[in-house]
Amino acid sequence: MIMEFFNKYKLGIIGIFVGGILGYAYYHFIGCNTGTCAITSKPFNSSAYGMLMGYLMFSTFDKSKKKDIKA
């Protein structure tokens, strides 16, 4: 059951991990020195935004079986 879930959403899950790592790396290496930036001022915000972007980017490559709608 867990393996079925992972196989179905594996690209999205991988995207979440990759995005989280890259989001934290962006905070750590570039970040915001003044603390006024909404996304990059805190590591949680930057990582969460990275996770969201990673999921969205990786899930676009998912080749799920979709039915073609013919008009």
PDB file of N, CA and C in Angstrom:
ATOM      1  N   MET A   1       0.813  -1.182   0.000  1.00  0.00           N
ATOM      2  CA  MET A   1       0.000   0.000   0.000  1.00  0.00           C
ATOM      3  C   MET A   1       0.865   1.258   0.000  1.00  0.00           C
ATOM      4  N   ILE A   2       1.876   1.289   0.827  1.00  0.00           N
ATOM      5  CA  ILE A   2       2.774   2.441   0.860  1.00  0.00           C
ATOM      6  C   ILE A   2       3.592   2.505  -0.422  1.00  0.00           C
ATOM      7  N   MET A   3       4.002   1.352  -0.920  1.00  0.00           N
ATOM      8  CA  MET A   3       4.782   1.346  -2.162  1.00  0.00           C
ATOM      9  C   MET A   3       3.939   1.813  -3.346  1.00  0.00           C
ATOM     10  N   GLU A   4       2.656   1.475  -3.351  1.00  0.00           N
ATOM     11  CA  GLU A   4       1.777   1.953  -4.422  1.00  0.00           C
ATOM     12  C   GLU A   4       1.679   3.475  -4.389  1.00  0.00           C
ATOM     13  N   PHE A   5       1.547   4.023  -3.182  1.00  0.00           N
ATOM     14  CA  PHE A   5       1.480   5.479  -3.032  1.00  0.00           C
ATOM     15  C   PHE A   5       2.778   6.121  -3.501  1.00  0.00           C
ATOM     16  N   PHE A   6       3.919   5.550  -3.090  1.00  0.00           N
ATOM     17  CA  PHE A   6       5.209   6.103  -3.482  1.00  0.00           C
ATOM     18  C   PHE A   6       5.408   6.010  -4.987  1.00  0.00           C
ATOM     19  N   ASN A   7       5.046   4.879  -5.582  1.00  0.00           N
ATOM     20  CA  ASN A   7       5.196   4.734  -7.030  1.00  0.00           C
ATOM     21  C   ASN A   7       4.301   5.700  -7.793  1.00  0.00           C
ATOM     22  N   LYS A   8       3.132   5.983  -7.248  1.00  0.00           N
ATOM     23  CA  LYS A   8       2.211   6.890  -7.927  1.00  0.00           C
ATOM     24  C   LYS A   8       2.703   8.336  -7.866  1.00  0.00           C
ATOM     25  N   TYR A   9       3.271   8.733  -6.734  1.00  0.00           N
ATOM     26  CA  TYR A   9       3.675  10.123  -6.526  1.00  0.00           C
ATOM     27  C   TYR A   9       5.183  10.293  -6.363  1.00  0.00           C
ATOM     28  N   LYS A  10       5.981   9.387  -6.919  1.00  0.00           N
ATOM     29  CA  LYS A  10       7.417   9.417  -6.655  1.00  0.00           C
ATOM     30  C   LYS A  10       8.096  10.681  -7.165  1.00  0.00           C
ATOM     31  N   LEU A  11       7.719  11.173  -8.319  1.00  0.00           N
ATOM     32  CA  LEU A  11       8.353  12.396  -8.813  1.00  0.00           C
ATOM     33  C   LEU A  11       8.002  13.594  -7.941  1.00  0.00           C
ATOM     34  N   GLY A  12       6.787  13.673  -7.482  1.00  0.00           N
ATOM     35  CA  GLY A  12       6.394  14.761  -6.592  1.00  0.00           C
ATOM     36  C   GLY A  12       7.127  14.708  -5.264  1.00  0.00           C
ATOM     37  N   ILE A  13       7.279  13.502  -4.709  1.00  0.00           N
ATOM     38  CA  ILE A  13       7.979  13.337  -3.436  1.00  0.00           C
ATOM     39  C   ILE A  13       9.455  13.678  -3.588  1.00  0.00           C
ATOM     40  N   ILE A  14      10.063  13.230  -4.663  1.00  0.00           N
ATOM     41  CA  ILE A  14      11.467  13.567  -4.919  1.00  0.00           C
ATOM     42  C   ILE A  14      11.609  15.074  -5.094  1.00  0.00           C
ATOM     43  N   GLY A  15      10.655  15.686  -5.780  1.00  0.00           N
ATOM     44  CA  GLY A  15      10.674  17.135  -5.968  1.00  0.00           C
ATOM     45  C   GLY A  15      10.581  17.889  -4.657  1.00  0.00           C
ATOM     46  N   ILE A  16       9.786  17.373  -3.716  1.00  0.00           N
ATOM     47  CA  ILE A  16       9.675  18.013  -2.405  1.00  0.00           C
ATOM     48  C   ILE A  16      11.017  17.984  -1.685  1.00  0.00           C
ATOM     49  N   PHE A  17      11.703  16.837  -1.704  1.00  0.00           N
ATOM     50  CA  PHE A  17      12.996  16.741  -1.033  1.00  0.00           C
ATOM     51  C   PHE A  17      14.050  17.617  -1.700  1.00  0.00           C
ATOM     52  N   VAL A  18      14.120  17.556  -3.012  1.00  0.00           N
ATOM     53  CA  VAL A  18      15.112  18.359  -3.738  1.00  0.00           C
ATOM     54  C   VAL A  18      14.828  19.845  -3.542  1.00  0.00           C
ATOM     55  N   GLY A  19      13.566  20.230  -3.633  1.00  0.00           N
ATOM     56  CA  GLY A  19      13.199  21.628  -3.448  1.00  0.00           C
ATOM     57  C   GLY A  19      13.493  22.126  -2.048  1.00  0.00           C
ATOM     58  N   GLY A  20      13.250  21.299  -1.050  1.00  0.00           N
ATOM     59  CA  GLY A  20      13.556  21.686   0.323  1.00  0.00           C
ATOM     60  C   GLY A  20      15.040  21.903   0.542  1.00  0.00           C
ATOM     61  N   ILE A  21      15.845  21.017  -0.013  1.00  0.00           N
ATOM     62  CA  ILE A  21      17.298  21.159   0.114  1.00  0.00           C
ATOM     63  C   ILE A  21      17.778  22.409  -0.610  1.00  0.00           C
ATOM     64  N   LEU A  22      17.283  22.620  -1.827  1.00  0.00           N
ATOM     65  CA  LEU A  22      17.698  23.804  -2.581  1.00  0.00           C
ATOM     66  C   LEU A  22      17.171  25.092  -1.952  1.00  0.00           C
ATOM     67  N   GLY A  23      15.980  25.046  -1.374  1.00  0.00           N
ATOM     68  CA  GLY A  23      15.444  26.218  -0.687  1.00  0.00           C
ATOM     69  C   GLY A  23      16.285  26.592   0.517  1.00  0.00           C
ATOM     70  N   TYR A  24      16.688  25.598   1.302  1.00  0.00           N
ATOM     71  CA  TYR A  24      17.544  25.892   2.447  1.00  0.00           C
ATOM     72  C   TYR A  24      18.919  26.368   1.991  1.00  0.00           C
ATOM     73  N   ALA A  25      19.442  25.770   0.931  1.00  0.00           N
ATOM     74  CA  ALA A  25      20.740  26.209   0.407  1.00  0.00           C
ATOM     75  C   ALA A  25      20.661  27.657  -0.064  1.00  0.00           C
ATOM     76  N   TYR A  26      19.555  28.038  -0.677  1.00  0.00           N
ATOM     77  CA  TYR A  26      19.380  29.430  -1.104  1.00  0.00           C
ATOM     78  C   TYR A  26      19.366  30.359   0.106  1.00  0.00           C
ATOM     79  N   TYR A  27      18.671  29.962   1.169  1.00  0.00           N
ATOM     80  CA  TYR A  27      18.664  30.758   2.400  1.00  0.00           C
ATOM     81  C   TYR A  27      20.069  30.881   2.971  1.00  0.00           C
ATOM     82  N   HIS A  28      20.780  29.779   3.012  1.00  0.00           N
ATOM     83  CA  HIS A  28      22.090  29.759   3.654  1.00  0.00           C
ATOM     84  C   HIS A  28      23.132  30.556   2.871  1.00  0.00           C
ATOM     85  N   PHE A  29      23.185  30.380   1.567  1.00  0.00           N
ATOM     86  CA  PHE A  29      24.243  31.000   0.779  1.00  0.00           C
ATOM     87  C   PHE A  29      23.885  32.387   0.248  1.00  0.00           C
ATOM     88  N   ILE A  30      22.621  32.641  -0.042  1.00  0.00           N
ATOM     89  CA  ILE A  30      22.235  33.933  -0.609  1.00  0.00           C
ATOM     90  C   ILE A  30      21.409  34.709   0.410  1.00  0.00           C
ATOM     91  N   GLY A  31      20.257  34.186   0.756  1.00  0.00           N
ATOM     92  CA  GLY A  31      19.430  34.712   1.831  1.00  0.00           C
ATOM     93  C   GLY A  31      19.144  36.201   1.776  1.00  0.00           C
ATOM     94  N   CYS A  32      18.782  36.736   2.925  1.00  0.00           N
ATOM     95  CA  CYS A  32      18.445  38.150   3.070  1.00  0.00           C
ATOM     96  C   CYS A  32      19.121  38.657   4.339  1.00  0.00           C
ATOM     97  N   ASN A  33      20.038  39.568   4.204  1.00  0.00           N
ATOM     98  CA  ASN A  33      20.802  40.049   5.353  1.00  0.00           C
ATOM     99  C   ASN A  33      19.983  40.934   6.285  1.00  0.00           C
ATOM    100  N   THR A  34      19.048  41.698   5.746  1.00  0.00           N
ATOM    101  CA  THR A  34      18.307  42.649   6.572  1.00  0.00           C
ATOM    102  C   THR A  34      17.144  42.018   7.317  1.00  0.00           C
ATOM    103  N   GLY A  35      16.648  40.890   6.873  1.00  0.00           N
ATOM    104  CA  GLY A  35      15.528  40.227   7.519  1.00  0.00           C
ATOM    105  C   GLY A  35      14.178  40.733   7.064  1.00  0.00           C
ATOM    106  N   THR A  36      14.151  41.584   6.055  1.00  0.00           N
ATOM    107  CA  THR A  36      12.879  42.130   5.577  1.00  0.00           C
ATOM    108  C   THR A  36      12.300  41.343   4.412  1.00  0.00           C
ATOM    109  N   CYS A  37      13.030  40.408   3.881  1.00  0.00           N
ATOM    110  CA  CYS A  37      12.531  39.603   2.758  1.00  0.00           C
ATOM    111  C   CYS A  37      11.556  38.557   3.301  1.00  0.00           C
ATOM    112  N   ALA A  38      10.410  38.449   2.684  1.00  0.00           N
ATOM    113  CA  ALA A  38       9.364  37.561   3.209  1.00  0.00           C
ATOM    114  C   ALA A  38       9.734  36.087   3.096  1.00  0.00           C
ATOM    115  N   ILE A  39      10.340  35.691   1.995  1.00  0.00           N
ATOM    116  CA  ILE A  39      10.612  34.271   1.772  1.00  0.00           C
ATOM    117  C   ILE A  39      11.988  33.875   2.293  1.00  0.00           C
ATOM    118  N   THR A  40      12.999  34.661   2.031  1.00  0.00           N
ATOM    119  CA  THR A  40      14.370  34.233   2.313  1.00  0.00           C
ATOM    120  C   THR A  40      14.899  34.700   3.661  1.00  0.00           C
ATOM    121  N   SER A  41      14.090  35.346   4.498  1.00  0.00           N
ATOM    122  CA  SER A  41      14.598  35.817   5.782  1.00  0.00           C
ATOM    123  C   SER A  41      14.660  34.707   6.829  1.00  0.00           C
ATOM    124  N   LYS A  42      13.861  33.658   6.664  1.00  0.00           N
ATOM    125  CA  LYS A  42      13.836  32.550   7.620  1.00  0.00           C
ATOM    126  C   LYS A  42      14.060  31.243   6.872  1.00  0.00           C
ATOM    127  N   PRO A  43      14.778  30.298   7.480  1.00  0.00           N
ATOM    128  CA  PRO A  43      15.046  29.036   6.775  1.00  0.00           C
ATOM    129  C   PRO A  43      13.785  28.219   6.519  1.00  0.00           C
ATOM    130  N   PHE A  44      12.806  28.279   7.427  1.00  0.00           N
ATOM    131  CA  PHE A  44      11.573  27.518   7.206  1.00  0.00           C
ATOM    132  C   PHE A  44      10.825  28.033   5.984  1.00  0.00           C
ATOM    133  N   ASN A  45      10.702  29.352   5.868  1.00  0.00           N
ATOM    134  CA  ASN A  45       9.984  29.932   4.727  1.00  0.00           C
ATOM    135  C   ASN A  45      10.672  29.586   3.417  1.00  0.00           C
ATOM    136  N   SER A  46      11.979  29.704   3.400  1.00  0.00           N
ATOM    137  CA  SER A  46      12.730  29.419   2.184  1.00  0.00           C
ATOM    138  C   SER A  46      12.638  27.941   1.811  1.00  0.00           C
ATOM    139  N   SER A  47      12.719  27.065   2.800  1.00  0.00           N
ATOM    140  CA  SER A  47      12.617  25.626   2.536  1.00  0.00           C
ATOM    141  C   SER A  47      11.213  25.245   2.084  1.00  0.00           C
ATOM    142  N   ALA A  48      10.195  25.817   2.719  1.00  0.00           N
ATOM    143  CA  ALA A  48       8.815  25.509   2.334  1.00  0.00           C
ATOM    144  C   ALA A  48       8.528  25.984   0.915  1.00  0.00           C
ATOM    145  N   TYR A  49       9.012  27.161   0.569  1.00  0.00           N
ATOM    146  CA  TYR A  49       8.825  27.667  -0.789  1.00  0.00           C
ATOM    147  C   TYR A  49       9.568  26.776  -1.786  1.00  0.00           C
ATOM    148  N   GLY A  50      10.764  26.331  -1.419  1.00  0.00           N
ATOM    149  CA  GLY A  50      11.517  25.417  -2.274  1.00  0.00           C
ATOM    150  C   GLY A  50      10.803  24.090  -2.453  1.00  0.00           C
ATOM    151  N   MET A  51      10.190  23.579  -1.378  1.00  0.00           N
ATOM    152  CA  MET A  51       9.434  22.332  -1.474  1.00  0.00           C
ATOM    153  C   MET A  51       8.248  22.480  -2.417  1.00  0.00           C
ATOM    154  N   LEU A  52       7.549  23.592  -2.301  1.00  0.00           N
ATOM    155  CA  LEU A  52       6.404  23.831  -3.178  1.00  0.00           C
ATOM    156  C   LEU A  52       6.845  23.914  -4.634  1.00  0.00           C
ATOM    157  N   MET A  53       7.896  24.668  -4.890  1.00  0.00           N
ATOM    158  CA  MET A  53       8.386  24.814  -6.265  1.00  0.00           C
ATOM    159  C   MET A  53       8.933  23.486  -6.793  1.00  0.00           C
ATOM    160  N   GLY A  54       9.623  22.726  -5.933  1.00  0.00           N
ATOM    161  CA  GLY A  54      10.138  21.427  -6.340  1.00  0.00           C
ATOM    162  C   GLY A  54       9.028  20.465  -6.700  1.00  0.00           C
ATOM    163  N   TYR A  55       7.972  20.443  -5.884  1.00  0.00           N
ATOM    164  CA  TYR A  55       6.829  19.574  -6.188  1.00  0.00           C
ATOM    165  C   TYR A  55       6.186  19.963  -7.509  1.00  0.00           C
ATOM    166  N   LEU A  56       5.964  21.250  -7.701  1.00  0.00           N
ATOM    167  CA  LEU A  56       5.316  21.700  -8.931  1.00  0.00           C
ATOM    168  C   LEU A  56       6.172  21.411 -10.158  1.00  0.00           C
ATOM    169  N   MET A  57       7.478  21.615 -10.042  1.00  0.00           N
ATOM    170  CA  MET A  57       8.362  21.375 -11.185  1.00  0.00           C
ATOM    171  C   MET A  57       8.461  19.885 -11.513  1.00  0.00           C
ATOM    172  N   PHE A  58       8.659  19.050 -10.506  1.00  0.00           N
ATOM    173  CA  PHE A  58       8.839  17.619 -10.759  1.00  0.00           C
ATOM    174  C   PHE A  58       7.534  16.944 -11.155  1.00  0.00           C
ATOM    175  N   SER A  59       6.414  17.421 -10.635  1.00  0.00           N
ATOM    176  CA  SER A  59       5.147  16.772 -10.967  1.00  0.00           C
ATOM    177  C   SER A  59       4.696  17.086 -12.389  1.00  0.00           C
ATOM    178  N   THR A  60       5.290  18.072 -13.032  1.00  0.00           N
ATOM    179  CA  THR A  60       4.939  18.349 -14.428  1.00  0.00           C
ATOM    180  C   THR A  60       5.469  17.269 -15.356  1.00  0.00           C
ATOM    181  N   PHE A  61       6.469  16.518 -14.919  1.00  0.00           N
ATOM    182  CA  PHE A  61       7.052  15.465 -15.740  1.00  0.00           C
ATOM    183  C   PHE A  61       6.384  14.112 -15.530  1.00  0.00           C
ATOM    184  N   ASP A  62       5.348  14.067 -14.718  1.00  0.00           N
ATOM    185  CA  ASP A  62       4.641  12.822 -14.427  1.00  0.00           C
ATOM    186  C   ASP A  62       3.854  12.374 -15.652  1.00  0.00           C
ATOM    187  N   LYS A  63       4.047  11.129 -16.039  1.00  0.00           N
ATOM    188  CA  LYS A  63       3.341  10.573 -17.194  1.00  0.00           C
ATOM    189  C   LYS A  63       2.214   9.667 -16.709  1.00  0.00           C
ATOM    190  N   SER A  64       1.240  10.256 -16.067  1.00  0.00           N
ATOM    191  CA  SER A  64       0.108   9.453 -15.618  1.00  0.00           C
ATOM    192  C   SER A  64      -0.836   9.213 -16.788  1.00  0.00           C
ATOM    193  N   LYS A  65      -1.612   8.168 -16.665  1.00  0.00           N
ATOM    194  CA  LYS A  65      -2.531   7.813 -17.744  1.00  0.00           C
ATOM    195  C   LYS A  65      -3.756   8.713 -17.656  1.00  0.00           C
ATOM    196  N   LYS A  66      -3.862   9.603 -18.612  1.00  0.00           N
ATOM    197  CA  LYS A  66      -5.003  10.506 -18.656  1.00  0.00           C
ATOM    198  C   LYS A  66      -5.809  10.209 -19.905  1.00  0.00           C
ATOM    199  N   LYS A  67      -7.098  10.285 -19.774  1.00  0.00           N
ATOM    200  CA  LYS A  67      -7.968  10.033 -20.919  1.00  0.00           C
ATOM    201  C   LYS A  67      -8.018  11.280 -21.794  1.00  0.00           C
ATOM    202  N   ASP A  68      -7.941  11.067 -23.087  1.00  0.00           N
ATOM    203  CA  ASP A  68      -8.080  12.164 -24.032  1.00  0.00           C
ATOM    204  C   ASP A  68      -9.560  12.483 -24.206  1.00  0.00           C
ATOM    205  N   ILE A  69      -9.863  13.741 -24.126  1.00  0.00           N
ATOM    206  CA  ILE A  69     -11.241  14.179 -24.311  1.00  0.00           C
ATOM    207  C   ILE A  69     -11.393  14.655 -25.745  1.00  0.00           C
ATOM    208  N   LYS A  70     -12.281  14.008 -26.460  1.00  0.00           N
ATOM    209  CA  LYS A  70     -12.518  14.386 -27.855  1.00  0.00           C
ATOM    210  C   LYS A  70     -13.843  15.131 -27.943  1.00  0.00           C
ATOM    211  N   ALA A  71     -13.792  16.264 -28.584  1.00  0.00           N
ATOM    212  CA  ALA A  71     -15.012  17.080 -28.711  1.00  0.00           C
ATOM    213  C   ALA A  71     -15.869  16.631 -29.863  1.00  0.00           C
TER     214      ALA A  71
END
